Each structure stands twice: as structure tokens, then as C-alpha cells.
PDB file of N, CA and C in Angstrom:
ATOM      1  N   MET A   1      -3.721  14.021  -8.092  1.00  0.00           N
ATOM      2  CA  MET A   1      -2.507  13.343  -8.443  1.00  0.00           C
ATOM      3  C   MET A   1      -2.857  12.189  -9.380  1.00  0.00           C
ATOM      4  N   GLN A   2      -2.149  12.093 -10.486  1.00  0.00           N
ATOM      5  CA  GLN A   2      -2.356  10.992 -11.405  1.00  0.00           C
ATOM      6  C   GLN A   2      -1.363   9.888 -11.099  1.00  0.00           C
ATOM      7  N   ILE A   3      -1.857   8.683 -11.071  1.00  0.00           N
ATOM      8  CA  ILE A   3      -1.032   7.527 -10.774  1.00  0.00           C
ATOM      9  C   ILE A   3      -0.990   6.656 -12.023  1.00  0.00           C
ATOM     10  N   PHE A   4       0.191   6.199 -12.395  1.00  0.00           N
ATOM     11  CA  PHE A   4       0.340   5.373 -13.575  1.00  0.00           C
ATOM     12  C   PHE A   4       0.908   4.014 -13.202  1.00  0.00           C
ATOM     13  N   ASN A   5       0.041   3.051 -12.971  1.00  0.00           N
ATOM     14  CA  ASN A   5       0.401   1.664 -12.717  1.00  0.00           C
ATOM     15  C   ASN A   5       1.632   1.507 -11.816  1.00  0.00           C
ATOM     16  N   PRO A   6       1.533   1.933 -10.577  1.00  0.00           N
ATOM     17  CA  PRO A   6       2.682   1.808  -9.674  1.00  0.00           C
ATOM     18  C   PRO A   6       2.956   0.336  -9.365  1.00  0.00           C
ATOM     19  N   PRO A   7       4.192  -0.001  -9.087  1.00  0.00           N
ATOM     20  CA  PRO A   7       4.500  -1.393  -8.743  1.00  0.00           C
ATOM     21  C   PRO A   7       3.977  -1.733  -7.351  1.00  0.00           C
ATOM     22  N   HIS A   8       3.727  -3.008  -7.149  1.00  0.00           N
ATOM     23  CA  HIS A   8       3.408  -3.465  -5.797  1.00  0.00           C
ATOM     24  C   HIS A   8       4.653  -3.215  -4.947  1.00  0.00           C
ATOM     25  N   PRO A   9       4.494  -2.783  -3.705  1.00  0.00           N
ATOM     26  CA  PRO A   9       5.663  -2.522  -2.861  1.00  0.00           C
ATOM     27  C   PRO A   9       6.591  -3.728  -2.715  1.00  0.00           C
ATOM     28  N   GLY A  10       6.050  -4.917  -2.882  1.00  0.00           N
ATOM     29  CA  GLY A  10       6.883  -6.113  -2.815  1.00  0.00           C
ATOM     30  C   GLY A  10       7.962  -6.133  -3.882  1.00  0.00           C
ATOM     31  N   GLU A  11       7.642  -5.577  -5.060  1.00  0.00           N
ATOM     32  CA  GLU A  11       8.642  -5.497  -6.128  1.00  0.00           C
ATOM     33  C   GLU A  11       9.793  -4.586  -5.714  1.00  0.00           C
ATOM     34  N   VAL A  12       9.466  -3.484  -5.087  1.00  0.00           N
ATOM     35  CA  VAL A  12      10.490  -2.548  -4.616  1.00  0.00           C
ATOM     36  C   VAL A  12      11.300  -3.201  -3.495  1.00  0.00           C
ATOM     37  N   LEU A  13      10.604  -3.914  -2.632  1.00  0.00           N
ATOM     38  CA  LEU A  13      11.277  -4.586  -1.527  1.00  0.00           C
ATOM     39  C   LEU A  13      12.302  -5.592  -2.033  1.00  0.00           C
ATOM     40  N   ARG A  14      11.995  -6.256  -3.135  1.00  0.00           N
ATOM     41  CA  ARG A  14      12.954  -7.208  -3.720  1.00  0.00           C
ATOM     42  C   ARG A  14      14.306  -6.545  -3.958  1.00  0.00           C
ATOM     43  N   ASP A  15      14.268  -5.322  -4.481  1.00  0.00           N
ATOM     44  CA  ASP A  15      15.522  -4.601  -4.736  1.00  0.00           C
ATOM     45  C   ASP A  15      16.285  -4.345  -3.437  1.00  0.00           C
ATOM     46  N   TYR A  16      15.552  -3.965  -2.397  1.00  0.00           N
ATOM     47  CA  TYR A  16      16.194  -3.701  -1.104  1.00  0.00           C
ATOM     48  C   TYR A  16      16.810  -4.963  -0.507  1.00  0.00           C
ATOM     49  N   LEU A  17      16.217  -6.105  -0.821  1.00  0.00           N
ATOM     50  CA  LEU A  17      16.674  -7.357  -0.220  1.00  0.00           C
ATOM     51  C   LEU A  17      17.651  -8.122  -1.107  1.00  0.00           C
ATOM     52  N   GLU A  18      18.115  -7.496  -2.164  1.00  0.00           N
ATOM     53  CA  GLU A  18      19.047  -8.174  -3.063  1.00  0.00           C
ATOM     54  C   GLU A  18      20.252  -8.690  -2.266  1.00  0.00           C
ATOM     55  N   GLY A  19      20.555  -9.962  -2.476  1.00  0.00           N
ATOM     56  CA  GLY A  19      21.678 -10.576  -1.772  1.00  0.00           C
ATOM     57  C   GLY A  19      21.314 -11.171  -0.422  1.00  0.00           C
ATOM     58  N   VAL A  20      20.065 -10.996  -0.002  1.00  0.00           N
ATOM     59  CA  VAL A  20      19.587 -11.544   1.276  1.00  0.00           C
ATOM     60  C   VAL A  20      18.520 -12.587   0.953  1.00  0.00           C
ATOM     61  N   SER A  21      18.580 -13.733   1.571  1.00  0.00           N
ATOM     62  CA  SER A  21      17.572 -14.764   1.306  1.00  0.00           C
ATOM     63  C   SER A  21      16.235 -14.380   1.945  1.00  0.00           C
ATOM     64  N   ILE A  22      15.173 -14.942   1.402  1.00  0.00           N
ATOM     65  CA  ILE A  22      13.842 -14.700   1.966  1.00  0.00           C
ATOM     66  C   ILE A  22      13.807 -15.194   3.411  1.00  0.00           C
ATOM     67  N   THR A  23      14.447 -16.308   3.655  1.00  0.00           N
ATOM     68  CA  THR A  23      14.480 -16.861   5.014  1.00  0.00           C
ATOM     69  C   THR A  23      15.169 -15.902   5.980  1.00  0.00           C
ATOM     70  N   GLN A  24      16.297 -15.347   5.569  1.00  0.00           N
ATOM     71  CA  GLN A  24      17.020 -14.397   6.430  1.00  0.00           C
ATOM     72  C   GLN A  24      16.183 -13.151   6.694  1.00  0.00           C
ATOM     73  N   ALA A  25      15.582 -12.611   5.635  1.00  0.00           N
ATOM     74  CA  ALA A  25      14.781 -11.392   5.784  1.00  0.00           C
ATOM     75  C   ALA A  25      13.558 -11.654   6.656  1.00  0.00           C
ATOM     76  N   ALA A  26      12.897 -12.787   6.443  1.00  0.00           N
ATOM     77  CA  ALA A  26      11.722 -13.125   7.248  1.00  0.00           C
ATOM     78  C   ALA A  26      12.104 -13.265   8.722  1.00  0.00           C
ATOM     79  N   PHE A  27      13.234 -13.890   8.975  1.00  0.00           N
ATOM     80  CA  PHE A  27      13.709 -14.033  10.355  1.00  0.00           C
ATOM     81  C   PHE A  27      13.955 -12.660  10.974  1.00  0.00           C
ATOM     82  N   ALA A  28      14.610 -11.775  10.225  1.00  0.00           N
ATOM     83  CA  ALA A  28      14.902 -10.428  10.732  1.00  0.00           C
ATOM     84  C   ALA A  28      13.618  -9.640  10.992  1.00  0.00           C
ATOM     85  N   LEU A  29      12.608  -9.850  10.145  1.00  0.00           N
ATOM     86  CA  LEU A  29      11.323  -9.155  10.303  1.00  0.00           C
ATOM     87  C   LEU A  29      10.427  -9.817  11.348  1.00  0.00           C
ATOM     88  N   GLN A  30      10.816 -11.001  11.790  1.00  0.00           N
ATOM     89  CA  GLN A  30      10.035 -11.789  12.745  1.00  0.00           C
ATOM     90  C   GLN A  30       8.659 -12.144  12.193  1.00  0.00           C
ATOM     91  N   ILE A  31       8.671 -12.588  10.931  1.00  0.00           N
ATOM     92  CA  ILE A  31       7.452 -13.062  10.275  1.00  0.00           C
ATOM     93  C   ILE A  31       7.780 -14.393   9.606  1.00  0.00           C
ATOM     94  N   SER A  32       6.753 -15.074   9.147  1.00  0.00           N
ATOM     95  CA  SER A  32       6.994 -16.344   8.461  1.00  0.00           C
ATOM     96  C   SER A  32       7.556 -16.092   7.064  1.00  0.00           C
ATOM     97  N   ARG A  33       8.274 -17.088   6.580  1.00  0.00           N
ATOM     98  CA  ARG A  33       8.829 -17.014   5.234  1.00  0.00           C
ATOM     99  C   ARG A  33       7.702 -16.903   4.208  1.00  0.00           C
ATOM    100  N   SER A  34       6.606 -17.626   4.435  1.00  0.00           N
ATOM    101  CA  SER A  34       5.489 -17.589   3.482  1.00  0.00           C
ATOM    102  C   SER A  34       4.837 -16.205   3.443  1.00  0.00           C
ATOM    103  N   ARG A  35       4.746 -15.549   4.581  1.00  0.00           N
ATOM    104  CA  ARG A  35       4.163 -14.192   4.594  1.00  0.00           C
ATOM    105  C   ARG A  35       5.028 -13.233   3.783  1.00  0.00           C
ATOM    106  N   LEU A  36       6.337 -13.297   3.978  1.00  0.00           N
ATOM    107  CA  LEU A  36       7.225 -12.429   3.208  1.00  0.00           C
ATOM    108  C   LEU A  36       7.169 -12.776   1.729  1.00  0.00           C
ATOM    109  N   SER A  37       7.101 -14.041   1.415  1.00  0.00           N
ATOM    110  CA  SER A  37       7.011 -14.463   0.020  1.00  0.00           C
ATOM    111  C   SER A  37       5.752 -13.905  -0.639  1.00  0.00           C
ATOM    112  N   ARG A  38       4.626 -13.930   0.078  1.00  0.00           N
ATOM    113  CA  ARG A  38       3.373 -13.372  -0.468  1.00  0.00           C
ATOM    114  C   ARG A  38       3.515 -11.879  -0.744  1.00  0.00           C
ATOM    115  N   ILE A  39       4.199 -11.166   0.132  1.00  0.00           N
ATOM    116  CA  ILE A  39       4.428  -9.728  -0.083  1.00  0.00           C
ATOM    117  C   ILE A  39       5.319  -9.519  -1.297  1.00  0.00           C
ATOM    118  N   LEU A  40       6.425 -10.253  -1.348  1.00  0.00           N
ATOM    119  CA  LEU A  40       7.376 -10.083  -2.451  1.00  0.00           C
ATOM    120  C   LEU A  40       6.761 -10.417  -3.805  1.00  0.00           C
ATOM    121  N   ASN A  41       5.800 -11.341  -3.812  1.00  0.00           N
ATOM    122  CA  ASN A  41       5.152 -11.736  -5.062  1.00  0.00           C
ATOM    123  C   ASN A  41       3.890 -10.936  -5.356  1.00  0.00           C
ATOM    124  N   GLY A  42       3.611  -9.921  -4.546  1.00  0.00           N
ATOM    125  CA  GLY A  42       2.470  -9.049  -4.797  1.00  0.00           C
ATOM    126  C   GLY A  42       1.129  -9.644  -4.430  1.00  0.00           C
ATOM    127  N   HIS A  43       1.122 -10.685  -3.594  1.00  0.00           N
ATOM    128  CA  HIS A  43      -0.129 -11.338  -3.208  1.00  0.00           C
ATOM    129  C   HIS A  43      -0.630 -10.912  -1.832  1.00  0.00           C
ATOM    130  N   ALA A  44       0.137 -10.087  -1.141  1.00  0.00           N
ATOM    131  CA  ALA A  44      -0.274  -9.590   0.177  1.00  0.00           C
ATOM    132  C   ALA A  44       0.130  -8.124   0.283  1.00  0.00           C
ATOM    133  N   PRO A  45      -0.694  -7.329   0.951  1.00  0.00           N
ATOM    134  CA  PRO A  45      -0.386  -5.899   1.083  1.00  0.00           C
ATOM    135  C   PRO A  45       0.639  -5.628   2.179  1.00  0.00           C
ATOM    136  N   ILE A  46       1.172  -4.429   2.139  1.00  0.00           N
ATOM    137  CA  ILE A  46       2.032  -3.934   3.214  1.00  0.00           C
ATOM    138  C   ILE A  46       1.107  -3.281   4.236  1.00  0.00           C
ATOM    139  N   THR A  47       0.973  -3.895   5.388  1.00  0.00           N
ATOM    140  CA  THR A  47       0.145  -3.318   6.449  1.00  0.00           C
ATOM    141  C   THR A  47       0.935  -2.220   7.159  1.00  0.00           C
ATOM    142  N   ALA A  48       0.265  -1.482   8.017  1.00  0.00           N
ATOM    143  CA  ALA A  48       0.957  -0.445   8.790  1.00  0.00           C
ATOM    144  C   ALA A  48       2.056  -1.071   9.649  1.00  0.00           C
ATOM    145  N   ASP A  49       1.752  -2.206  10.270  1.00  0.00           N
ATOM    146  CA  ASP A  49       2.755  -2.893  11.082  1.00  0.00           C
ATOM    147  C   ASP A  49       3.947  -3.318  10.227  1.00  0.00           C
ATOM    148  N   MET A  50       3.667  -3.854   9.046  1.00  0.00           N
ATOM    149  CA  MET A  50       4.752  -4.290   8.169  1.00  0.00           C
ATOM    150  C   MET A  50       5.554  -3.096   7.670  1.00  0.00           C
ATOM    151  N   ALA A  51       4.900  -1.981   7.409  1.00  0.00           N
ATOM    152  CA  ALA A  51       5.617  -0.773   6.982  1.00  0.00           C
ATOM    153  C   ALA A  51       6.618  -0.345   8.055  1.00  0.00           C
ATOM    154  N   LEU A  52       6.212  -0.426   9.309  1.00  0.00           N
ATOM    155  CA  LEU A  52       7.124  -0.090  10.410  1.00  0.00           C
ATOM    156  C   LEU A  52       8.301  -1.060  10.463  1.00  0.00           C
ATOM    157  N   ARG A  53       8.020  -2.344  10.283  1.00  0.00           N
ATOM    158  CA  ARG A  53       9.088  -3.351  10.306  1.00  0.00           C
ATOM    159  C   ARG A  53      10.058  -3.150   9.144  1.00  0.00           C
ATOM    160  N   LEU A  54       9.501  -2.914   7.952  1.00  0.00           N
ATOM    161  CA  LEU A  54      10.360  -2.733   6.779  1.00  0.00           C
ATOM    162  C   LEU A  54      11.212  -1.481   6.907  1.00  0.00           C
ATOM    163  N   GLY A  55      10.612  -0.418   7.408  1.00  0.00           N
ATOM    164  CA  GLY A  55      11.369   0.811   7.609  1.00  0.00           C
ATOM    165  C   GLY A  55      12.570   0.585   8.505  1.00  0.00           C
ATOM    166  N   ALA A  56      12.355  -0.167   9.580  1.00  0.00           N
ATOM    167  CA  ALA A  56      13.455  -0.466  10.501  1.00  0.00           C
ATOM    168  C   ALA A  56      14.484  -1.385   9.847  1.00  0.00           C
ATOM    169  N   LEU A  57      14.021  -2.352   9.069  1.00  0.00           N
ATOM    170  CA  LEU A  57      14.920  -3.330   8.456  1.00  0.00           C
ATOM    171  C   LEU A  57      15.841  -2.715   7.414  1.00  0.00           C
ATOM    172  N   VAL A  58      15.281  -1.878   6.546  1.00  0.00           N
ATOM    173  CA  VAL A  58      16.078  -1.359   5.421  1.00  0.00           C
ATOM    174  C   VAL A  58      16.393   0.126   5.563  1.00  0.00           C
ATOM    175  N   ASN A  59      16.164   0.654   6.764  1.00  0.00           N
ATOM    176  CA  ASN A  59      16.519   2.046   7.070  1.00  0.00           C
ATOM    177  C   ASN A  59      15.824   3.052   6.155  1.00  0.00           C
ATOM    178  N   THR A  60      14.517   2.889   6.041  1.00  0.00           N
ATOM    179  CA  THR A  60      13.681   3.839   5.307  1.00  0.00           C
ATOM    180  C   THR A  60      12.562   4.259   6.250  1.00  0.00           C
ATOM    181  N   SER A  61      11.695   5.124   5.774  1.00  0.00           N
ATOM    182  CA  SER A  61      10.553   5.501   6.609  1.00  0.00           C
ATOM    183  C   SER A  61       9.413   4.503   6.404  1.00  0.00           C
ATOM    184  N   ALA A  62       8.648   4.306   7.441  1.00  0.00           N
ATOM    185  CA  ALA A  62       7.447   3.481   7.329  1.00  0.00           C
ATOM    186  C   ALA A  62       6.465   4.128   6.360  1.00  0.00           C
ATOM    187  N   GLU A  63       6.462   5.456   6.342  1.00  0.00           N
ATOM    188  CA  GLU A  63       5.551   6.183   5.450  1.00  0.00           C
ATOM    189  C   GLU A  63       5.824   5.860   3.986  1.00  0.00           C
ATOM    190  N   MET A  64       7.074   5.653   3.640  1.00  0.00           N
ATOM    191  CA  MET A  64       7.405   5.312   2.257  1.00  0.00           C
ATOM    192  C   MET A  64       6.685   4.032   1.837  1.00  0.00           C
ATOM    193  N   TRP A  65       6.740   3.014   2.690  1.00  0.00           N
ATOM    194  CA  TRP A  65       6.105   1.739   2.371  1.00  0.00           C
ATOM    195  C   TRP A  65       4.580   1.862   2.388  1.00  0.00           C
ATOM    196  N   ALA A  66       4.057   2.588   3.354  1.00  0.00           N
ATOM    197  CA  ALA A  66       2.607   2.781   3.434  1.00  0.00           C
ATOM    198  C   ALA A  66       2.098   3.571   2.231  1.00  0.00           C
ATOM    199  N   ASP A  67       2.839   4.587   1.821  1.00  0.00           N
ATOM    200  CA  ASP A  67       2.445   5.384   0.653  1.00  0.00           C
ATOM    201  C   ASP A  67       2.474   4.550  -0.619  1.00  0.00           C
ATOM    202  N   MET A  68       3.506   3.720  -0.770  1.00  0.00           N
ATOM    203  CA  MET A  68       3.572   2.849  -1.952  1.00  0.00           C
ATOM    204  C   MET A  68       2.378   1.906  -1.994  1.00  0.00           C
ATOM    205  N   GLN A  69       2.029   1.342  -0.833  1.00  0.00           N
ATOM    206  CA  GLN A  69       0.888   0.428  -0.788  1.00  0.00           C
ATOM    207  C   GLN A  69      -0.402   1.166  -1.112  1.00  0.00           C
ATOM    208  N   SER A  70      -0.551   2.362  -0.579  1.00  0.00           N
ATOM    209  CA  SER A  70      -1.749   3.154  -0.830  1.00  0.00           C
ATOM    210  C   SER A  70      -1.890   3.489  -2.312  1.00  0.00           C
ATOM    211  N   GLU A  71      -0.808   3.922  -2.934  1.00  0.00           N
ATOM    212  CA  GLU A  71      -0.849   4.245  -4.364  1.00  0.00           C
ATOM    213  C   GLU A  71      -1.170   3.013  -5.194  1.00  0.00           C
ATOM    214  N   TYR A  72      -0.571   1.887  -4.843  1.00  0.00           N
ATOM    215  CA  TYR A  72      -0.824   0.645  -5.570  1.00  0.00           C
ATOM    216  C   TYR A  72      -2.298   0.247  -5.435  1.00  0.00           C
ATOM    217  N   ALA A  73      -2.812   0.262  -4.209  1.00  0.00           N
ATOM    218  CA  ALA A  73      -4.200  -0.135  -3.962  1.00  0.00           C
ATOM    219  C   ALA A  73      -5.176   0.808  -4.656  1.00  0.00           C
ATOM    220  N   LEU A  74      -4.889   2.106  -4.635  1.00  0.00           N
ATOM    221  CA  LEU A  74      -5.764   3.071  -5.295  1.00  0.00           C
ATOM    222  C   LEU A  74      -5.785   2.840  -6.796  1.00  0.00           C
ATOM    223  N   TRP A  75      -4.617   2.619  -7.391  1.00  0.00           N
ATOM    224  CA  TRP A  75      -4.566   2.376  -8.835  1.00  0.00           C
ATOM    225  C   TRP A  75      -5.346   1.117  -9.183  1.00  0.00           C
ATOM    226  N   GLN A  76      -5.188   0.067  -8.376  1.00  0.00           N
ATOM    227  CA  GLN A  76      -5.925  -1.176  -8.616  1.00  0.00           C
ATOM    228  C   GLN A  76      -7.431  -0.918  -8.553  1.00  0.00           C
ATOM    229  N   ALA A  77      -7.868  -0.148  -7.577  1.00  0.00           N
ATOM    230  CA  ALA A  77      -9.292   0.158  -7.433  1.00  0.00           C
ATOM    231  C   ALA A  77      -9.806   0.972  -8.614  1.00  0.00           C
ATOM    232  N   LEU A  78      -8.979   1.879  -9.118  1.00  0.00           N
ATOM    233  CA  LEU A  78      -9.388   2.707 -10.256  1.00  0.00           C
ATOM    234  C   LEU A  78      -9.569   1.894 -11.532  1.00  0.00           C
ATOM    235  N   GLN A  79      -9.000   0.704 -11.584  1.00  0.00           N
ATOM    236  CA  GLN A  79      -9.120  -0.141 -12.767  1.00  0.00           C
ATOM    237  C   GLN A  79     -10.433  -0.921 -12.788  1.00  0.00           C
ATOM    238  N   GLN A  80     -11.154  -0.909 -11.682  1.00  0.00           N
ATOM    239  CA  GLN A  80     -12.404  -1.654 -11.565  1.00  0.00           C
ATOM    240  C   GLN A  80     -13.595  -0.748 -11.856  1.00  0.00           C
ATOM    241  N   PRO A  81     -14.665  -1.317 -12.424  1.00  0.00           N
ATOM    242  CA  PRO A  81     -15.875  -0.508 -12.630  1.00  0.00           C
ATOM    243  C   PRO A  81     -16.434  -0.060 -11.279  1.00  0.00           C
ATOM    244  N   ARG A  82     -16.903   1.157 -11.261  1.00  0.00           N
ATOM    245  CA  ARG A  82     -17.459   1.709 -10.026  1.00  0.00           C
ATOM    246  C   ARG A  82     -18.836   2.303 -10.322  1.00  0.00           C
ATOM    247  N   PRO A  83     -19.734   2.222  -9.365  1.00  0.00           N
ATOM    248  CA  PRO A  83     -21.040   2.861  -9.556  1.00  0.00           C
ATOM    249  C   PRO A  83     -20.889   4.381  -9.515  1.00  0.00           C
ATOM    250  N   ALA A  84     -21.817   5.044 -10.150  1.00  0.00           N
ATOM    251  CA  ALA A  84     -21.813   6.512 -10.108  1.00  0.00           C
ATOM    252  C   ALA A  84     -22.228   6.947  -8.703  1.00  0.00           C
ATOM    253  N   ILE A  85     -21.397   7.732  -8.078  1.00  0.00           N
ATOM    254  CA  ILE A  85     -21.677   8.243  -6.733  1.00  0.00           C
ATOM    255  C   ILE A  85     -21.869   9.749  -6.846  1.00  0.00           C
ATOM    256  N   HIS A  86     -22.966  10.221  -6.319  1.00  0.00           N
ATOM    257  CA  HIS A  86     -23.259  11.651  -6.373  1.00  0.00           C
ATOM    258  C   HIS A  86     -22.975  12.273  -5.009  1.00  0.00           C
ATOM    259  N   PRO A  87     -22.455  13.485  -4.992  1.00  0.00           N
ATOM    260  CA  PRO A  87     -22.147  14.137  -3.713  1.00  0.00           C
ATOM    261  C   PRO A  87     -23.399  14.314  -2.859  1.00  0.00           C
ATOM    262  N   LEU A  88     -23.212  14.232  -1.566  1.00  0.00           N
ATOM    263  CA  LEU A  88     -24.307  14.511  -0.640  1.00  0.00           C
ATOM    264  C   LEU A  88     -24.625  15.993  -0.672  1.00  0.00           C
ATOM    265  N   ARG A  89     -25.863  16.292  -0.487  1.00  0.00           N
ATOM    266  CA  ARG A  89     -26.246  17.695  -0.334  1.00  0.00           C
ATOM    267  C   ARG A  89     -26.251  17.975   1.151  1.00  0.00           C
ATOM    268  N   HIS A  90     -25.402  18.874   1.539  1.00  0.00           N
ATOM    269  CA  HIS A  90     -25.324  19.228   2.953  1.00  0.00           C
ATOM    270  C   HIS A  90     -26.523  20.080   3.336  1.00  0.00           C
ATOM    271  N   ARG A  91     -26.867  20.022   4.568  1.00  0.00           N
ATOM    272  CA  ARG A  91     -28.005  20.779   5.083  1.00  0.00           C
ATOM    273  C   ARG A  91     -27.833  22.265   4.787  1.00  0.00           C
ATOM    274  N   ARG A  92     -26.620  22.779   4.942  1.00  0.00           N
ATOM    275  CA  ARG A  92     -26.361  24.194   4.680  1.00  0.00           C
ATOM    276  C   ARG A  92     -26.678  24.521   3.212  1.00  0.00           C
ATOM    277  N   ASP A  93     -26.297  23.630   2.294  1.00  0.00           N
ATOM    278  CA  ASP A  93     -26.589  23.846   0.878  1.00  0.00           C
ATOM    279  C   ASP A  93     -28.094  23.920   0.642  1.00  0.00           C
ATOM    280  N   ASN A  94     -28.837  23.043   1.284  1.00  0.00           N
ATOM    281  CA  ASN A  94     -30.291  23.035   1.121  1.00  0.00           C
ATOM    282  C   ASN A  94     -30.920  24.301   1.685  1.00  0.00           C
ATOM    283  N   MET A  95     -30.414  24.784   2.804  1.00  0.00           N
ATOM    284  CA  MET A  95     -30.969  25.981   3.426  1.00  0.00           C
ATOM    285  C   MET A  95     -30.722  27.199   2.546  1.00  0.00           C
ATOM    286  N   GLN A  96     -29.558  27.291   1.942  1.00  0.00           N
ATOM    287  CA  GLN A  96     -29.249  28.435   1.090  1.00  0.00           C
ATOM    288  C   GLN A  96     -30.097  28.415  -0.171  1.00  0.00           C
ATOM    289  N   SER A  97     -30.363  27.223  -0.713  1.00  0.00           N
ATOM    290  CA  SER A  97     -31.147  27.161  -1.945  1.00  0.00           C
ATOM    291  C   SER A  97     -32.615  27.484  -1.691  1.00  0.00           C
ATOM    292  N   GLU A  98     -33.077  27.348  -0.441  1.00  0.00           N
ATOM    293  CA  GLU A  98     -34.460  27.665  -0.108  1.00  0.00           C
ATOM    294  C   GLU A  98     -34.668  29.162   0.097  1.00  0.00           C
ATOM    295  N   GLU A  99     -33.596  29.914   0.298  1.00  0.00           N
ATOM    296  CA  GLU A  99     -33.737  31.351   0.585  1.00  0.00           C
ATOM    297  C   GLU A  99     -33.991  32.155  -0.651  1.00  0.00           C
TER     298      GLU A  99
END
């Protein structure tokens, strides 16, 4: 699957919370206002627990939020230099090559 610069889930959450204050949403989620603000500004990830809370709050699936976070994190990681990693040779592969 190719991913093209997906938005941080906090950006999507902003749309869901249109017309609701950060304070109101944080209270409903039972988290601090600063924690929600960090998510909305893309400075904190959506954890599994938060995905469950958001799903309940805005009537979506927790998987939707978790998937968005996963895609965002993967794209971010792909933008960083990575060392060359070579596949492990499994024991079965070695045994077949010796025959």
C-alpha cells in the first residue's frame, strides 16, 4: 500500500469537533485540555485507549482512529533515513541450499 502524506489524526478530529470547544471535548473524553490540544495540534499520537474514547465520542470505530495514526506514523518513519536491513536466512533455507 502506498501512503501519500496522510494527515495527523488530530487534524481529522478537528473537523469532528467543529462547534465544540476543546474544554468541552476534553471533559467528555475525561482527559486534560492540554492533552487534547497536543493531539489536535499533531504533537501527540492517538493511543489505543484514545482511539476507543474518540470512537465513543464521535460515533466512529476505534479502528478508524488507530489506522489513521498507524498510517501517519508509518509515513513519518518512511521519510527518515534507514539502515539497509537484509532478510534473515531461515534454517530451512540454509538446509535446502546445502542439499
